């Protein structure tokens, strides 16, 4: 999406419907490692018009699972 890879999904994404996926969230693969890890979280939507970036911010990583 706009040259940004979003390989990690977040649990606050909303369900998709017949019109697409209006609100999806995920983390980029750019982590700042330290005592508290920081990641870029993006929110985006998809529709028949393509993907749209809704927001991007730094967040503390609370948990990671595979």
C-alpha atoms as a PDB file:
ATOM      1  CA  UNK A   1       0.000   0.000   0.000  1.00  0.00           C
ATOM      2  CA  UNK A   2       1.754   3.117  -1.190  1.00  0.00           C
ATOM      3  CA  UNK A   3       5.101   1.329  -0.962  1.00  0.00           C
ATOM      4  CA  UNK A   4       4.538   0.314   2.668  1.00  0.00           C
ATOM      5  CA  UNK A   5       4.472  -3.385   3.574  1.00  0.00           C
ATOM      6  CA  UNK A   6       1.996  -4.296   6.321  1.00  0.00           C
ATOM      7  CA  UNK A   7       2.878  -7.918   7.163  1.00  0.00           C
ATOM      8  CA  UNK A   8       1.318  -8.010  10.647  1.00  0.00           C
ATOM      9  CA  UNK A   9      -2.432  -7.783  11.243  1.00  0.00           C
ATOM     10  CA  UNK A  10      -3.871  -6.119  14.330  1.00  0.00           C
ATOM     11  CA  UNK A  11      -6.875  -7.382  16.265  1.00  0.00           C
ATOM     12  CA  UNK A  12      -8.865  -4.122  16.016  1.00  0.00           C
ATOM     13  CA  UNK A  13      -9.610  -4.518  12.289  1.00  0.00           C
ATOM     14  CA  UNK A  14     -13.280  -4.545  11.330  1.00  0.00           C
ATOM     15  CA  UNK A  15     -14.985  -7.255   9.266  1.00  0.00           C
ATOM     16  CA  UNK A  16     -15.144  -6.891   5.510  1.00  0.00           C
ATOM     17  CA  UNK A  17     -18.493  -6.528   3.750  1.00  0.00           C
ATOM     18  CA  UNK A  18     -19.827  -6.527   0.182  1.00  0.00           C
ATOM     19  CA  UNK A  19     -18.263  -3.089  -0.388  1.00  0.00           C
ATOM     20  CA  UNK A  20     -14.764  -4.106   0.715  1.00  0.00           C
ATOM     21  CA  UNK A  21     -12.878  -3.728   3.969  1.00  0.00           C
ATOM     22  CA  UNK A  22     -13.549  -0.248   5.332  1.00  0.00           C
ATOM     23  CA  UNK A  23     -11.166  -0.441   8.324  1.00  0.00           C
ATOM     24  CA  UNK A  24      -8.142  -2.708   8.569  1.00  0.00           C
ATOM     25  CA  UNK A  25      -5.097  -2.235  10.783  1.00  0.00           C
ATOM     26  CA  UNK A  26      -1.620  -3.675  10.859  1.00  0.00           C
ATOM     27  CA  UNK A  27       2.001  -3.107  11.754  1.00  0.00           C
ATOM     28  CA  UNK A  28       4.791  -2.408   9.311  1.00  0.00           C
ATOM     29  CA  UNK A  29       8.002  -4.395   9.613  1.00  0.00           C
ATOM     30  CA  UNK A  30       9.907  -1.353  10.909  1.00  0.00           C
ATOM     31  CA  UNK A  31      10.308  -2.073  14.645  1.00  0.00           C
ATOM     32  CA  UNK A  32      12.353   0.090  17.020  1.00  0.00           C
ATOM     33  CA  UNK A  33      13.711  -2.434  19.487  1.00  0.00           C
ATOM     34  CA  UNK A  34      14.363  -1.440  23.076  1.00  0.00           C
ATOM     35  CA  UNK A  35      12.974  -1.943  26.560  1.00  0.00           C
ATOM     36  CA  UNK A  36       9.613  -1.168  24.941  1.00  0.00           C
ATOM     37  CA  UNK A  37       9.364  -2.014  21.263  1.00  0.00           C
ATOM     38  CA  UNK A  38       7.814   0.633  19.012  1.00  0.00           C
ATOM     39  CA  UNK A  39       6.178  -0.064  15.649  1.00  0.00           C
ATOM     40  CA  UNK A  40       4.389   1.900  12.945  1.00  0.00           C
ATOM     41  CA  UNK A  41       0.681   1.057  13.000  1.00  0.00           C
ATOM     42  CA  UNK A  42      -1.356   1.841   9.920  1.00  0.00           C
ATOM     43  CA  UNK A  43      -5.094   1.907   9.391  1.00  0.00           C
ATOM     44  CA  UNK A  44      -6.377   1.508   5.864  1.00  0.00           C
ATOM     45  CA  UNK A  45      -9.501   0.683   3.926  1.00  0.00           C
ATOM     46  CA  UNK A  46     -10.097  -1.144   0.683  1.00  0.00           C
ATOM     47  CA  UNK A  47     -12.896  -0.887  -1.822  1.00  0.00           C
ATOM     48  CA  UNK A  48     -13.441  -1.263  -5.535  1.00  0.00           C
ATOM     49  CA  UNK A  49     -11.456   1.993  -5.846  1.00  0.00           C
ATOM     50  CA  UNK A  50      -8.343   0.421  -4.258  1.00  0.00           C
ATOM     51  CA  UNK A  51      -6.548   0.894  -0.941  1.00  0.00           C
ATOM     52  CA  UNK A  52      -6.678   4.117   1.061  1.00  0.00           C
ATOM     53  CA  UNK A  53      -4.344   4.968   3.949  1.00  0.00           C
ATOM     54  CA  UNK A  54      -6.453   6.302   6.843  1.00  0.00           C
ATOM     55  CA  UNK A  55      -3.756   6.885   9.477  1.00  0.00           C
ATOM     56  CA  UNK A  56      -0.207   6.014  10.505  1.00  0.00           C
ATOM     57  CA  UNK A  57       1.272   6.363  13.994  1.00  0.00           C
ATOM     58  CA  UNK A  58       3.953   4.993  16.323  1.00  0.00           C
ATOM     59  CA  UNK A  59       2.647   2.578  18.959  1.00  0.00           C
ATOM     60  CA  UNK A  60       4.158   0.514  21.759  1.00  0.00           C
ATOM     61  CA  UNK A  61       3.993  -3.209  21.022  1.00  0.00           C
ATOM     62  CA  UNK A  62       2.049  -4.965  23.802  1.00  0.00           C
ATOM     63  CA  UNK A  63       2.119  -8.543  22.475  1.00  0.00           C
ATOM     64  CA  UNK A  64       3.202 -10.493  19.421  1.00  0.00           C
ATOM     65  CA  UNK A  65       2.134 -13.960  18.390  1.00  0.00           C
ATOM     66  CA  UNK A  66       2.515 -16.110  15.363  1.00  0.00           C
END
